Amino acid sequence: VLRSVATQNMGEENGDSIENIIYRYFLNRIYRVK
């Protein structure tokens, strides 16, 4: 749930910008570690 909400907020602000892609990439790494 947290992940989808975070990506939605970033998507509304930046769309498919590089920052959004990097942000989602780090989220994926964090969730994989957990």
N, C-alpha and C. Protein backbone atom coordinates (compact mmCIF):
# COMPACT_ATOMS: atom_id res chain seq x y z
N VAL A 1 0.84 -1.20 0.00
CA VAL A 1 0.00 0.00 0.00
C VAL A 1 0.88 1.25 0.00
N LEU A 2 1.86 1.27 0.88
CA LEU A 2 2.75 2.43 0.94
C LEU A 2 3.40 2.70 -0.41
N ARG A 3 3.83 1.61 -1.05
CA ARG A 3 4.54 1.76 -2.31
C ARG A 3 3.65 2.40 -3.37
N SER A 4 2.40 1.91 -3.50
CA SER A 4 1.50 2.44 -4.53
C SER A 4 1.17 3.90 -4.25
N VAL A 5 0.96 4.24 -2.98
CA VAL A 5 0.62 5.63 -2.63
C VAL A 5 1.80 6.54 -2.97
N ALA A 6 3.01 6.11 -2.62
CA ALA A 6 4.20 6.93 -2.88
C ALA A 6 4.37 7.15 -4.37
N THR A 7 4.21 6.09 -5.17
CA THR A 7 4.40 6.23 -6.61
C THR A 7 3.30 7.10 -7.20
N GLN A 8 2.09 7.01 -6.65
CA GLN A 8 1.00 7.84 -7.17
C GLN A 8 1.30 9.31 -6.91
N ASN A 9 1.79 9.63 -5.69
CA ASN A 9 2.11 11.02 -5.38
C ASN A 9 3.21 11.54 -6.30
N MET A 10 4.27 10.74 -6.49
CA MET A 10 5.34 11.15 -7.38
C MET A 10 4.82 11.30 -8.80
N GLY A 11 3.94 10.38 -9.22
CA GLY A 11 3.40 10.43 -10.57
C GLY A 11 2.61 11.70 -10.80
N GLU A 12 1.85 12.12 -9.81
CA GLU A 12 1.05 13.33 -9.97
C GLU A 12 1.94 14.56 -10.08
N GLU A 13 3.06 14.55 -9.35
CA GLU A 13 3.92 15.72 -9.32
C GLU A 13 4.85 15.77 -10.54
N ASN A 14 5.51 14.65 -10.83
CA ASN A 14 6.58 14.66 -11.82
C ASN A 14 6.27 13.83 -13.06
N GLY A 15 5.21 13.06 -13.02
CA GLY A 15 4.95 12.18 -14.16
C GLY A 15 6.03 11.12 -14.26
N ASP A 16 6.45 10.77 -15.46
CA ASP A 16 7.49 9.75 -15.64
C ASP A 16 8.85 10.41 -15.76
N SER A 17 9.18 11.27 -14.80
CA SER A 17 10.47 11.94 -14.83
C SER A 17 11.57 11.02 -14.33
N ILE A 18 12.81 11.40 -14.54
CA ILE A 18 13.93 10.57 -14.09
C ILE A 18 13.88 10.41 -12.57
N GLU A 19 13.55 11.49 -11.86
CA GLU A 19 13.48 11.41 -10.39
C GLU A 19 12.48 10.36 -9.96
N ASN A 20 11.34 10.31 -10.65
CA ASN A 20 10.30 9.33 -10.30
C ASN A 20 10.81 7.92 -10.52
N ILE A 21 11.52 7.69 -11.63
CA ILE A 21 12.04 6.35 -11.92
C ILE A 21 13.06 5.95 -10.85
N ILE A 22 13.96 6.87 -10.52
CA ILE A 22 14.97 6.56 -9.49
C ILE A 22 14.29 6.30 -8.16
N TYR A 23 13.29 7.10 -7.82
CA TYR A 23 12.58 6.94 -6.55
C TYR A 23 11.95 5.56 -6.48
N ARG A 24 11.29 5.15 -7.55
CA ARG A 24 10.65 3.84 -7.57
C ARG A 24 11.70 2.73 -7.51
N TYR A 25 12.86 2.96 -8.17
CA TYR A 25 13.93 1.96 -8.14
C TYR A 25 14.41 1.74 -6.71
N PHE A 26 14.61 2.83 -5.96
CA PHE A 26 15.06 2.70 -4.58
C PHE A 26 13.98 2.04 -3.73
N LEU A 27 12.72 2.37 -3.97
CA LEU A 27 11.63 1.72 -3.24
C LEU A 27 11.68 0.21 -3.47
N ASN A 28 11.89 -0.19 -4.72
CA ASN A 28 11.95 -1.63 -5.03
C ASN A 28 13.10 -2.29 -4.27
N ARG A 29 14.26 -1.62 -4.20
CA ARG A 29 15.40 -2.20 -3.49
C ARG A 29 15.08 -2.33 -2.01
N ILE A 30 14.46 -1.30 -1.43
CA ILE A 30 14.13 -1.34 0.00
C ILE A 30 13.17 -2.49 0.28
N TYR A 31 12.13 -2.62 -0.55
CA TYR A 31 11.15 -3.67 -0.31
C TYR A 31 11.77 -5.05 -0.53
N ARG A 32 12.73 -5.15 -1.43
CA ARG A 32 13.38 -6.45 -1.64
C ARG A 32 14.20 -6.81 -0.41
N VAL A 33 14.88 -5.83 0.16
CA VAL A 33 15.70 -6.10 1.35
C VAL A 33 14.80 -6.58 2.49
N LYS A 34 13.64 -5.92 2.65
CA LYS A 34 12.71 -6.33 3.70
C LYS A 34 12.01 -7.61 3.26
